[in-house]
């Protein structure tokens, strides 16, 4: 009796962990498909760069090139964060899975 309760408790806990991991993986997949946009406008970027003292004045073309480069860097960083989180959250599915399978087999053997 106690063993059966133990096996079902293990299955419940691991199932909850796997469901949480699956939800987190789905959220990370959406971050990969539709990443968070870069919010700083060119006008804001230009104002921030003009406030820095001691630098050589840059033309709008140079600032636009730097702004686009900064946008690309930010997109790459967001993508890397999403991949990193995806792998971490996949562990919440992979690690409890063997415990769930073993507990399920043992619980079904005890019921026979």
PDB file of N, CA and C in Angstrom:
ATOM      1  N   UNK A   1       0.821  -1.196   0.000  1.00  0.00           N
ATOM      2  CA  UNK A   1       0.000   0.000   0.000  1.00  0.00           C
ATOM      3  C   UNK A   1       0.868   1.265   0.000  1.00  0.00           C
ATOM      4  N   UNK A   2       1.857   1.311   0.900  1.00  0.00           N
ATOM      5  CA  UNK A   2       2.716   2.487   1.007  1.00  0.00           C
ATOM      6  C   UNK A   2       3.544   2.651  -0.263  1.00  0.00           C
ATOM      7  N   UNK A   3       4.006   1.523  -0.800  1.00  0.00           N
ATOM      8  CA  UNK A   3       4.786   1.598  -2.043  1.00  0.00           C
ATOM      9  C   UNK A   3       3.942   2.131  -3.193  1.00  0.00           C
ATOM     10  N   UNK A   4       2.724   1.702  -3.278  1.00  0.00           N
ATOM     11  CA  UNK A   4       1.849   2.193  -4.350  1.00  0.00           C
ATOM     12  C   UNK A   4       1.654   3.699  -4.235  1.00  0.00           C
ATOM     13  N   UNK A   5       1.427   4.183  -3.034  1.00  0.00           N
ATOM     14  CA  UNK A   5       1.271   5.622  -2.821  1.00  0.00           C
ATOM     15  C   UNK A   5       2.558   6.337  -3.210  1.00  0.00           C
ATOM     16  N   UNK A   6       3.697   5.758  -2.837  1.00  0.00           N
ATOM     17  CA  UNK A   6       4.993   6.350  -3.178  1.00  0.00           C
ATOM     18  C   UNK A   6       5.161   6.435  -4.695  1.00  0.00           C
ATOM     19  N   UNK A   7       4.870   5.354  -5.401  1.00  0.00           N
ATOM     20  CA  UNK A   7       5.028   5.354  -6.863  1.00  0.00           C
ATOM     21  C   UNK A   7       4.103   6.381  -7.518  1.00  0.00           C
ATOM     22  N   UNK A   8       2.869   6.454  -7.052  1.00  0.00           N
ATOM     23  CA  UNK A   8       1.942   7.430  -7.629  1.00  0.00           C
ATOM     24  C   UNK A   8       2.355   8.865  -7.288  1.00  0.00           C
ATOM     25  N   UNK A   9       2.923   9.071  -6.114  1.00  0.00           N
ATOM     26  CA  UNK A   9       3.424  10.405  -5.758  1.00  0.00           C
ATOM     27  C   UNK A   9       4.596  10.791  -6.656  1.00  0.00           C
ATOM     28  N   UNK A  10       5.503   9.837  -6.894  1.00  0.00           N
ATOM     29  CA  UNK A  10       6.640  10.096  -7.791  1.00  0.00           C
ATOM     30  C   UNK A  10       6.131  10.411  -9.194  1.00  0.00           C
ATOM     31  N   UNK A  11       5.157   9.645  -9.668  1.00  0.00           N
ATOM     32  CA  UNK A  11       4.618   9.898 -11.009  1.00  0.00           C
ATOM     33  C   UNK A  11       3.956  11.271 -11.075  1.00  0.00           C
ATOM     34  N   UNK A  12       3.216  11.644 -10.046  1.00  0.00           N
ATOM     35  CA  UNK A  12       2.549  12.946 -10.039  1.00  0.00           C
ATOM     36  C   UNK A  12       3.564  14.087 -10.056  1.00  0.00           C
ATOM     37  N   UNK A  13       4.566  14.000  -9.193  1.00  0.00           N
ATOM     38  CA  UNK A  13       5.570  15.064  -9.108  1.00  0.00           C
ATOM     39  C   UNK A  13       6.344  15.189 -10.414  1.00  0.00           C
ATOM     40  N   UNK A  14       6.769  14.067 -10.981  1.00  0.00           N
ATOM     41  CA  UNK A  14       7.528  14.137 -12.238  1.00  0.00           C
ATOM     42  C   UNK A  14       6.641  14.611 -13.383  1.00  0.00           C
ATOM     43  N   UNK A  15       5.377  14.247 -13.358  1.00  0.00           N
ATOM     44  CA  UNK A  15       4.463  14.718 -14.397  1.00  0.00           C
ATOM     45  C   UNK A  15       4.285  16.233 -14.315  1.00  0.00           C
ATOM     46  N   UNK A  16       4.157  16.761 -13.113  1.00  0.00           N
ATOM     47  CA  UNK A  16       4.044  18.213 -12.936  1.00  0.00           C
ATOM     48  C   UNK A  16       5.312  18.905 -13.431  1.00  0.00           C
ATOM     49  N   UNK A  17       6.471  18.327 -13.118  1.00  0.00           N
ATOM     50  CA  UNK A  17       7.737  18.904 -13.590  1.00  0.00           C
ATOM     51  C   UNK A  17       7.796  18.913 -15.117  1.00  0.00           C
ATOM     52  N   UNK A  18       7.372  17.820 -15.738  1.00  0.00           N
ATOM     53  CA  UNK A  18       7.419  17.740 -17.202  1.00  0.00           C
ATOM     54  C   UNK A  18       6.424  18.698 -17.846  1.00  0.00           C
ATOM     55  N   UNK A  19       5.265  18.876 -17.245  1.00  0.00           N
ATOM     56  CA  UNK A  19       4.290  19.831 -17.784  1.00  0.00           C
ATOM     57  C   UNK A  19       4.849  21.249 -17.697  1.00  0.00           C
ATOM     58  N   UNK A  20       5.443  21.593 -16.566  1.00  0.00           N
ATOM     59  CA  UNK A  20       6.075  22.906 -16.425  1.00  0.00           C
ATOM     60  C   UNK A  20       7.185  23.107 -17.439  1.00  0.00           C
ATOM     61  N   UNK A  21       7.986  22.074 -17.664  1.00  0.00           N
ATOM     62  CA  UNK A  21       9.045  22.155 -18.669  1.00  0.00           C
ATOM     63  C   UNK A  21       8.490  22.316 -20.068  1.00  0.00           C
ATOM     64  N   UNK A  22       7.395  21.619 -20.365  1.00  0.00           N
ATOM     65  CA  UNK A  22       6.795  21.727 -21.696  1.00  0.00           C
ATOM     66  C   UNK A  22       6.241  23.128 -21.941  1.00  0.00           C
ATOM     67  N   UNK A  23       5.636  23.713 -20.920  1.00  0.00           N
ATOM     68  CA  UNK A  23       5.125  25.084 -21.053  1.00  0.00           C
ATOM     69  C   UNK A  23       6.279  26.050 -21.288  1.00  0.00           C
ATOM     70  N   UNK A  24       7.352  25.896 -20.529  1.00  0.00           N
ATOM     71  CA  UNK A  24       8.512  26.779 -20.684  1.00  0.00           C
ATOM     72  C   UNK A  24       9.164  26.600 -22.053  1.00  0.00           C
ATOM     73  N   UNK A  25       9.238  25.365 -22.545  1.00  0.00           N
ATOM     74  CA  UNK A  25       9.801  25.114 -23.878  1.00  0.00           C
ATOM     75  C   UNK A  25       8.941  25.792 -24.939  1.00  0.00           C
ATOM     76  N   UNK A  26       7.629  25.706 -24.799  1.00  0.00           N
ATOM     77  CA  UNK A  26       6.740  26.364 -25.762  1.00  0.00           C
ATOM     78  C   UNK A  26       6.944  27.877 -25.747  1.00  0.00           C
ATOM     79  N   UNK A  27       7.126  28.449 -24.579  1.00  0.00           N
ATOM     80  CA  UNK A  27       7.361  29.892 -24.492  1.00  0.00           C
ATOM     81  C   UNK A  27       8.692  30.266 -25.133  1.00  0.00           C
ATOM     82  N   UNK A  28       9.717  29.440 -24.933  1.00  0.00           N
ATOM     83  CA  UNK A  28      11.011  29.721 -25.551  1.00  0.00           C
ATOM     84  C   UNK A  28      10.961  29.558 -27.063  1.00  0.00           C
ATOM     85  N   UNK A  29      10.151  28.638 -27.541  1.00  0.00           N
ATOM     86  CA  UNK A  29      10.002  28.484 -28.993  1.00  0.00           C
ATOM     87  C   UNK A  29       9.364  29.738 -29.588  1.00  0.00           C
ATOM     88  N   UNK A  30       8.406  30.319 -28.895  1.00  0.00           N
ATOM     89  CA  UNK A  30       7.809  31.554 -29.408  1.00  0.00           C
ATOM     90  C   UNK A  30       8.817  32.694 -29.387  1.00  0.00           C
ATOM     91  N   UNK A  31       9.717  32.704 -28.401  1.00  0.00           N
ATOM     92  CA  UNK A  31      10.777  33.718 -28.393  1.00  0.00           C
ATOM     93  C   UNK A  31      11.721  33.547 -29.576  1.00  0.00           C
ATOM     94  N   UNK A  32      11.932  32.308 -30.001  1.00  0.00           N
ATOM     95  CA  UNK A  32      12.773  32.073 -31.180  1.00  0.00           C
ATOM     96  C   UNK A  32      12.068  32.498 -32.459  1.00  0.00           C
ATOM     97  N   UNK A  33      10.782  32.203 -32.552  1.00  0.00           N
ATOM     98  CA  UNK A  33      10.025  32.514 -33.765  1.00  0.00           C
ATOM     99  C   UNK A  33       9.731  34.010 -33.867  1.00  0.00           C
ATOM    100  N   UNK A  34       9.303  34.601 -32.765  1.00  0.00           N
ATOM    101  CA  UNK A  34       8.956  36.030 -32.757  1.00  0.00           C
ATOM    102  C   UNK A  34       9.685  36.707 -31.604  1.00  0.00           C
ATOM    103  N   UNK A  35      10.950  37.071 -31.803  1.00  0.00           N
ATOM    104  CA  UNK A  35      11.713  37.671 -30.702  1.00  0.00           C
ATOM    105  C   UNK A  35      11.185  39.053 -30.319  1.00  0.00           C
ATOM    106  N   UNK A  36      11.549  39.479 -29.133  1.00  0.00           N
ATOM    107  CA  UNK A  36      11.163  40.802 -28.651  1.00  0.00           C
ATOM    108  C   UNK A  36      11.818  41.860 -29.529  1.00  0.00           C
ATOM    109  N   UNK A  37      11.052  42.822 -30.016  1.00  0.00           N
ATOM    110  CA  UNK A  37      11.643  43.827 -30.916  1.00  0.00           C
ATOM    111  C   UNK A  37      12.593  44.766 -30.181  1.00  0.00           C
ATOM    112  N   UNK A  38      13.457  45.390 -30.954  1.00  0.00           N
ATOM    113  CA  UNK A  38      14.402  46.375 -30.427  1.00  0.00           C
ATOM    114  C   UNK A  38      13.652  47.689 -30.293  1.00  0.00           C
ATOM    115  N   UNK A  39      13.583  48.239 -29.089  1.00  0.00           N
ATOM    116  CA  UNK A  39      12.702  49.371 -28.828  1.00  0.00           C
ATOM    117  C   UNK A  39      13.304  50.751 -29.053  1.00  0.00           C
ATOM    118  N   UNK A  40      14.613  50.891 -29.007  1.00  0.00           N
ATOM    119  CA  UNK A  40      15.194  52.223 -29.152  1.00  0.00           C
ATOM    120  C   UNK A  40      15.075  52.684 -30.601  1.00  0.00           C
ATOM    121  N   UNK A  41      14.473  53.838 -30.806  1.00  0.00           N
ATOM    122  CA  UNK A  41      14.331  54.372 -32.159  1.00  0.00           C
ATOM    123  C   UNK A  41      15.641  55.027 -32.583  1.00  0.00           C
ATOM    124  N   UNK A  42      15.758  55.293 -33.875  1.00  0.00           N
ATOM    125  CA  UNK A  42      16.971  55.938 -34.376  1.00  0.00           C
ATOM    126  C   UNK A  42      17.134  57.317 -33.761  1.00  0.00           C
ATOM    127  N   UNK A  43      16.032  58.019 -33.595  1.00  0.00           N
ATOM    128  CA  UNK A  43      16.082  59.355 -32.993  1.00  0.00           C
ATOM    129  C   UNK A  43      16.651  59.280 -31.568  1.00  0.00           C
ATOM    130  N   UNK A  44      16.177  58.315 -30.780  1.00  0.00           N
ATOM    131  CA  UNK A  44      16.690  58.146 -29.413  1.00  0.00           C
ATOM    132  C   UNK A  44      18.166  57.766 -29.424  1.00  0.00           C
ATOM    133  N   UNK A  45      18.534  56.868 -30.333  1.00  0.00           N
ATOM    134  CA  UNK A  45      19.933  56.440 -30.447  1.00  0.00           C
ATOM    135  C   UNK A  45      20.821  57.634 -30.792  1.00  0.00           C
ATOM    136  N   UNK A  46      20.332  58.468 -31.683  1.00  0.00           N
ATOM    137  CA  UNK A  46      21.084  59.653 -32.101  1.00  0.00           C
ATOM    138  C   UNK A  46      21.255  60.613 -30.924  1.00  0.00           C
ATOM    139  N   UNK A  47      20.200  60.806 -30.153  1.00  0.00           N
ATOM    140  CA  UNK A  47      20.265  61.708 -29.001  1.00  0.00           C
ATOM    141  C   UNK A  47      21.255  61.195 -27.949  1.00  0.00           C
ATOM    142  N   UNK A  48      21.248  59.896 -27.699  1.00  0.00           N
ATOM    143  CA  UNK A  48      22.174  59.314 -26.722  1.00  0.00           C
ATOM    144  C   UNK A  48      23.611  59.502 -27.182  1.00  0.00           C
ATOM    145  N   UNK A  49      23.874  59.289 -28.461  1.00  0.00           N
ATOM    146  CA  UNK A  49      25.236  59.433 -28.978  1.00  0.00           C
ATOM    147  C   UNK A  49      25.683  60.884 -29.010  1.00  0.00           C
ATOM    148  N   UNK A  50      24.783  61.811 -29.199  1.00  0.00           N
ATOM    149  CA  UNK A  50      25.161  63.223 -29.221  1.00  0.00           C
ATOM    150  C   UNK A  50      25.448  63.747 -27.818  1.00  0.00           C
ATOM    151  N   UNK A  51      24.902  63.100 -26.800  1.00  0.00           N
ATOM    152  CA  UNK A  51      25.119  63.539 -25.426  1.00  0.00           C
ATOM    153  C   UNK A  51      26.509  63.193 -24.919  1.00  0.00           C
ATOM    154  N   UNK A  52      27.151  62.228 -25.535  1.00  0.00           N
ATOM    155  CA  UNK A  52      28.502  61.841 -25.115  1.00  0.00           C
ATOM    156  C   UNK A  52      29.482  62.956 -25.472  1.00  0.00           C
ATOM    157  N   UNK A  53      30.228  63.382 -24.488  1.00  0.00           N
ATOM    158  CA  UNK A  53      31.183  64.464 -24.724  1.00  0.00           C
ATOM    159  C   UNK A  53      32.560  63.878 -25.015  1.00  0.00           C
ATOM    160  N   UNK A  54      33.353  64.614 -25.763  1.00  0.00           N
ATOM    161  CA  UNK A  54      34.709  64.183 -26.059  1.00  0.00           C
ATOM    162  C   UNK A  54      34.817  63.305 -27.285  1.00  0.00           C
ATOM    163  N   UNK A  55      33.712  62.995 -27.928  1.00  0.00           N
ATOM    164  CA  UNK A  55      33.753  62.170 -29.137  1.00  0.00           C
ATOM    165  C   UNK A  55      33.651  63.056 -30.368  1.00  0.00           C
ATOM    166  N   UNK A  56      34.121  62.525 -31.461  1.00  0.00           N
ATOM    167  CA  UNK A  56      34.037  63.227 -32.740  1.00  0.00           C
ATOM    168  C   UNK A  56      32.591  63.166 -33.216  1.00  0.00           C
ATOM    169  N   UNK A  57      32.098  64.278 -33.746  1.00  0.00           N
ATOM    170  CA  UNK A  57      30.740  64.311 -34.292  1.00  0.00           C
ATOM    171  C   UNK A  57      30.628  63.314 -35.440  1.00  0.00           C
ATOM    172  N   UNK A  58      29.560  62.568 -35.444  1.00  0.00           N
ATOM    173  CA  UNK A  58      29.333  61.579 -36.492  1.00  0.00           C
ATOM    174  C   UNK A  58      28.185  62.041 -37.368  1.00  0.00           C
ATOM    175  N   UNK A  59      28.258  61.632 -38.630  1.00  0.00           N
ATOM    176  CA  UNK A  59      27.187  61.977 -39.561  1.00  0.00           C
ATOM    177  C   UNK A  59      25.988  61.068 -39.309  1.00  0.00           C
ATOM    178  N   UNK A  60      24.852  61.457 -39.886  1.00  0.00           N
ATOM    179  CA  UNK A  60      23.651  60.628 -39.753  1.00  0.00           C
ATOM    180  C   UNK A  60      23.857  59.257 -40.379  1.00  0.00           C
ATOM    181  N   UNK A  61      24.599  59.194 -41.478  1.00  0.00           N
ATOM    182  CA  UNK A  61      24.850  57.908 -42.140  1.00  0.00           C
ATOM    183  C   UNK A  61      25.667  56.991 -41.230  1.00  0.00           C
ATOM    184  N   UNK A  62      26.679  57.542 -40.567  1.00  0.00           N
ATOM    185  CA  UNK A  62      27.486  56.738 -39.650  1.00  0.00           C
ATOM    186  C   UNK A  62      26.652  56.273 -38.458  1.00  0.00           C
ATOM    187  N   UNK A  63      25.842  57.180 -37.940  1.00  0.00           N
ATOM    188  CA  UNK A  63      24.981  56.822 -36.814  1.00  0.00           C
ATOM    189  C   UNK A  63      23.959  55.760 -37.208  1.00  0.00           C
ATOM    190  N   UNK A  64      23.410  55.883 -38.420  1.00  0.00           N
ATOM    191  CA  UNK A  64      22.435  54.892 -38.891  1.00  0.00           C
ATOM    192  C   UNK A  64      23.094  53.523 -39.040  1.00  0.00           C
ATOM    193  N   UNK A  65      24.313  53.498 -39.530  1.00  0.00           N
ATOM    194  CA  UNK A  65      25.042  52.233 -39.682  1.00  0.00           C
ATOM    195  C   UNK A  65      25.288  51.594 -38.306  1.00  0.00           C
ATOM    196  N   UNK A  66      25.705  52.406 -37.333  1.00  0.00           N
ATOM    197  CA  UNK A  66      25.918  51.901 -35.975  1.00  0.00           C
ATOM    198  C   UNK A  66      24.603  51.434 -35.348  1.00  0.00           C
ATOM    199  N   UNK A  67      23.535  52.171 -35.613  1.00  0.00           N
ATOM    200  CA  UNK A  67      22.216  51.817 -35.080  1.00  0.00           C
ATOM    201  C   UNK A  67      21.757  50.461 -35.624  1.00  0.00           C
ATOM    202  N   UNK A  68      21.919  50.254 -36.922  1.00  0.00           N
ATOM    203  CA  UNK A  68      21.527  48.975 -37.524  1.00  0.00           C
ATOM    204  C   UNK A  68      22.388  47.836 -36.996  1.00  0.00           C
ATOM    205  N   UNK A  69      23.678  48.100 -36.789  1.00  0.00           N
ATOM    206  CA  UNK A  69      24.571  47.091 -36.220  1.00  0.00           C
ATOM    207  C   UNK A  69      24.142  46.746 -34.793  1.00  0.00           C
ATOM    208  N   UNK A  70      23.766  47.753 -34.038  1.00  0.00           N
ATOM    209  CA  UNK A  70      23.292  47.537 -32.667  1.00  0.00           C
ATOM    210  C   UNK A  70      21.996  46.725 -32.659  1.00  0.00           C
ATOM    211  N   UNK A  71      21.112  47.000 -33.606  1.00  0.00           N
ATOM    212  CA  UNK A  71      19.874  46.217 -33.717  1.00  0.00           C
ATOM    213  C   UNK A  71      20.185  44.749 -34.002  1.00  0.00           C
ATOM    214  N   UNK A  72      21.099  44.502 -34.917  1.00  0.00           N
ATOM    215  CA  UNK A  72      21.470  43.123 -35.253  1.00  0.00           C
ATOM    216  C   UNK A  72      22.097  42.416 -34.053  1.00  0.00           C
ATOM    217  N   UNK A  73      22.953  43.127 -33.327  1.00  0.00           N
ATOM    218  CA  UNK A  73      23.561  42.545 -32.124  1.00  0.00           C
ATOM    219  C   UNK A  73      22.491  42.176 -31.101  1.00  0.00           C
ATOM    220  N   UNK A  74      21.534  43.065 -30.923  1.00  0.00           N
ATOM    221  CA  UNK A  74      20.465  42.817 -29.953  1.00  0.00           C
ATOM    222  C   UNK A  74      19.614  41.615 -30.375  1.00  0.00           C
ATOM    223  N   UNK A  75      19.316  41.501 -31.666  1.00  0.00           N
ATOM    224  CA  UNK A  75      18.546  40.345 -32.155  1.00  0.00           C
ATOM    225  C   UNK A  75      19.310  39.051 -31.932  1.00  0.00           C
ATOM    226  N   UNK A  76      20.613  39.072 -32.218  1.00  0.00           N
ATOM    227  CA  UNK A  76      21.440  37.878 -32.023  1.00  0.00           C
ATOM    228  C   UNK A  76      21.501  37.498 -30.544  1.00  0.00           C
ATOM    229  N   UNK A  77      21.598  38.493 -29.684  1.00  0.00           N
ATOM    230  CA  UNK A  77      21.647  38.229 -28.246  1.00  0.00           C
ATOM    231  C   UNK A  77      20.317  37.648 -27.760  1.00  0.00           C
ATOM    232  N   UNK A  78      19.203  38.183 -28.231  1.00  0.00           N
ATOM    233  CA  UNK A  78      17.883  37.658 -27.849  1.00  0.00           C
ATOM    234  C   UNK A  78      17.712  36.218 -28.322  1.00  0.00           C
ATOM    235  N   UNK A  79      18.164  35.946 -29.525  1.00  0.00           N
ATOM    236  CA  UNK A  79      18.076  34.583 -30.060  1.00  0.00           C
ATOM    237  C   UNK A  79      18.922  33.621 -29.227  1.00  0.00           C
ATOM    238  N   UNK A  80      20.127  34.050 -28.868  1.00  0.00           N
ATOM    239  CA  UNK A  80      20.998  33.205 -28.057  1.00  0.00           C
ATOM    240  C   UNK A  80      20.400  32.954 -26.678  1.00  0.00           C
ATOM    241  N   UNK A  81      19.791  33.975 -26.095  1.00  0.00           N
ATOM    242  CA  UNK A  81      19.115  33.803 -24.798  1.00  0.00           C
ATOM    243  C   UNK A  81      17.966  32.804 -24.905  1.00  0.00           C
ATOM    244  N   UNK A  82      17.205  32.902 -25.991  1.00  0.00           N
ATOM    245  CA  UNK A  82      16.067  31.991 -26.177  1.00  0.00           C
ATOM    246  C   UNK A  82      16.545  30.551 -26.339  1.00  0.00           C
ATOM    247  N   UNK A  83      17.626  30.352 -27.092  1.00  0.00           N
ATOM    248  CA  UNK A  83      18.169  29.001 -27.273  1.00  0.00           C
ATOM    249  C   UNK A  83      18.683  28.465 -25.943  1.00  0.00           C
ATOM    250  N   UNK A  84      19.381  29.306 -25.194  1.00  0.00           N
ATOM    251  CA  UNK A  84      19.910  28.901 -23.894  1.00  0.00           C
ATOM    252  C   UNK A  84      18.776  28.504 -22.951  1.00  0.00           C
ATOM    253  N   UNK A  85      17.737  29.306 -22.890  1.00  0.00           N
ATOM    254  CA  UNK A  85      16.591  28.995 -22.031  1.00  0.00           C
ATOM    255  C   UNK A  85      15.857  27.751 -22.511  1.00  0.00           C
ATOM    256  N   UNK A  86      15.783  27.573 -23.815  1.00  0.00           N
ATOM    257  CA  UNK A  86      15.131  26.391 -24.374  1.00  0.00           C
ATOM    258  C   UNK A  86      15.836  25.121 -23.916  1.00  0.00           C
ATOM    259  N   UNK A  87      17.157  25.126 -23.975  1.00  0.00           N
ATOM    260  CA  UNK A  87      17.918  23.952 -23.544  1.00  0.00           C
ATOM    261  C   UNK A  87      17.769  23.709 -22.043  1.00  0.00           C
ATOM    262  N   UNK A  88      17.782  24.776 -21.268  1.00  0.00           N
ATOM    263  CA  UNK A  88      17.606  24.622 -19.817  1.00  0.00           C
ATOM    264  C   UNK A  88      16.232  24.055 -19.490  1.00  0.00           C
ATOM    265  N   UNK A  89      15.208  24.539 -20.170  1.00  0.00           N
ATOM    266  CA  UNK A  89      13.854  24.081 -19.873  1.00  0.00           C
ATOM    267  C   UNK A  89      13.574  22.697 -20.437  1.00  0.00           C
ATOM    268  N   UNK A  90      14.290  22.308 -21.480  1.00  0.00           N
ATOM    269  CA  UNK A  90      14.141  20.947 -21.997  1.00  0.00           C
ATOM    270  C   UNK A  90      14.613  19.935 -20.956  1.00  0.00           C
ATOM    271  N   UNK A  91      15.554  20.345 -20.123  1.00  0.00           N
ATOM    272  CA  UNK A  91      16.020  19.463 -19.051  1.00  0.00           C
ATOM    273  C   UNK A  91      14.897  19.142 -18.074  1.00  0.00           C
ATOM    274  N   UNK A  92      13.923  20.066 -17.928  1.00  0.00           N
ATOM    275  CA  UNK A  92      12.787  19.814 -17.042  1.00  0.00           C
ATOM    276  C   UNK A  92      11.861  18.739 -17.603  1.00  0.00           C
ATOM    277  N   UNK A  93      12.059  18.376 -18.851  1.00  0.00           N
ATOM    278  CA  UNK A  93      11.291  17.277 -19.445  1.00  0.00           C
ATOM    279  C   UNK A  93      12.127  16.005 -19.447  1.00  0.00           C
ATOM    280  N   UNK A  94      13.381  16.135 -19.848  1.00  0.00           N
ATOM    281  CA  UNK A  94      14.250  14.969 -20.040  1.00  0.00           C
ATOM    282  C   UNK A  94      14.644  14.318 -18.713  1.00  0.00           C
ATOM    283  N   UNK A  95      14.986  15.105 -17.711  1.00  0.00           N
ATOM    284  CA  UNK A  95      15.473  14.531 -16.452  1.00  0.00           C
ATOM    285  C   UNK A  95      14.388  13.766 -15.688  1.00  0.00           C
ATOM    286  N   UNK A  96      13.164  14.284 -15.512  1.00  0.00           N
ATOM    287  CA  UNK A  96      12.160  13.518 -14.763  1.00  0.00           C
ATOM    288  C   UNK A  96      11.556  12.339 -15.539  1.00  0.00           C
ATOM    289  N   UNK A  97      11.720  12.324 -16.854  1.00  0.00           N
ATOM    290  CA  UNK A  97      11.089  11.279 -17.672  1.00  0.00           C
ATOM    291  C   UNK A  97      11.475   9.862 -17.244  1.00  0.00           C
ATOM    292  N   UNK A  98      12.762   9.532 -17.052  1.00  0.00           N
ATOM    293  CA  UNK A  98      13.078   8.159 -16.633  1.00  0.00           C
ATOM    294  C   UNK A  98      12.476   7.798 -15.277  1.00  0.00           C
ATOM    295  N   UNK A  99      12.423   8.749 -14.352  1.00  0.00           N
ATOM    296  CA  UNK A  99      11.820   8.476 -13.045  1.00  0.00           C
ATOM    297  C   UNK A  99      10.332   8.174 -13.191  1.00  0.00           C
ATOM    298  N   UNK A 100       9.666   8.911 -14.075  1.00  0.00           N
ATOM    299  CA  UNK A 100       8.244   8.676 -14.323  1.00  0.00           C
ATOM    300  C   UNK A 100       8.028   7.282 -14.915  1.00  0.00           C
ATOM    301  N   UNK A 101       8.836   6.930 -15.909  1.00  0.00           N
ATOM    302  CA  UNK A 101       8.685   5.629 -16.579  1.00  0.00           C
ATOM    303  C   UNK A 101       8.941   4.488 -15.599  1.00  0.00           C
ATOM    304  N   UNK A 102       9.991   4.599 -14.800  1.00  0.00           N
ATOM    305  CA  UNK A 102      10.307   3.539 -13.832  1.00  0.00           C
ATOM    306  C   UNK A 102       9.193   3.403 -12.798  1.00  0.00           C
ATOM    307  N   UNK A 103       8.721   4.515 -12.263  1.00  0.00           N
ATOM    308  CA  UNK A 103       7.648   4.465 -11.262  1.00  0.00           C
ATOM    309  C   UNK A 103       6.372   3.897 -11.868  1.00  0.00           C
ATOM    310  N   UNK A 104       6.098   4.233 -13.123  1.00  0.00           N
ATOM    311  CA  UNK A 104       4.893   3.714 -13.787  1.00  0.00           C
ATOM    312  C   UNK A 104       4.975   2.201 -13.955  1.00  0.00           C
ATOM    313  N   UNK A 105       6.139   1.718 -14.369  1.00  0.00           N
ATOM    314  CA  UNK A 105       6.305   0.264 -14.540  1.00  0.00           C
ATOM    315  C   UNK A 105       6.147  -0.462 -13.211  1.00  0.00           C
ATOM    316  N   UNK A 106       6.768   0.069 -12.186  1.00  0.00           N
ATOM    317  CA  UNK A 106       6.694  -0.594 -10.875  1.00  0.00           C
ATOM    318  C   UNK A 106       5.281  -0.530 -10.299  1.00  0.00           C
ATOM    319  N   UNK A 107       4.583   0.565 -10.507  1.00  0.00           N
ATOM    320  CA  UNK A 107       3.207   0.676 -10.007  1.00  0.00           C
ATOM    321  C   UNK A 107       2.290  -0.280 -10.752  1.00  0.00           C
ATOM    322  N   UNK A 108       2.502  -0.441 -12.057  1.00  0.00           N
ATOM    323  CA  UNK A 108       1.646  -1.364 -12.815  1.00  0.00           C
ATOM    324  C   UNK A 108       1.940  -2.811 -12.431  1.00  0.00           C
ATOM    325  N   UNK A 109       3.189  -3.128 -12.100  1.00  0.00           N
ATOM    326  CA  UNK A 109       3.525  -4.486 -11.644  1.00  0.00           C
ATOM    327  C   UNK A 109       2.872  -4.778 -10.295  1.00  0.00           C
ATOM    328  N   UNK A 110       2.825  -3.793  -9.421  1.00  0.00           N
ATOM    329  CA  UNK A 110       2.243  -3.986  -8.090  1.00  0.00           C
ATOM    330  C   UNK A 110       0.728  -4.183  -8.182  1.00  0.00           C
ATOM    331  N   UNK A 111       0.105  -3.593  -9.210  1.00  0.00           N
ATOM    332  CA  UNK A 111      -1.347  -3.706  -9.358  1.00  0.00           C
ATOM    333  C   UNK A 111      -1.760  -5.026  -9.983  1.00  0.00           C
ATOM    334  N   UNK A 112      -0.826  -5.711 -10.597  1.00  0.00           N
ATOM    335  CA  UNK A 112      -1.188  -6.980 -11.264  1.00  0.00           C
ATOM    336  C   UNK A 112      -1.371  -8.114 -10.305  1.00  0.00           C
TER     337      UNK A 112
END
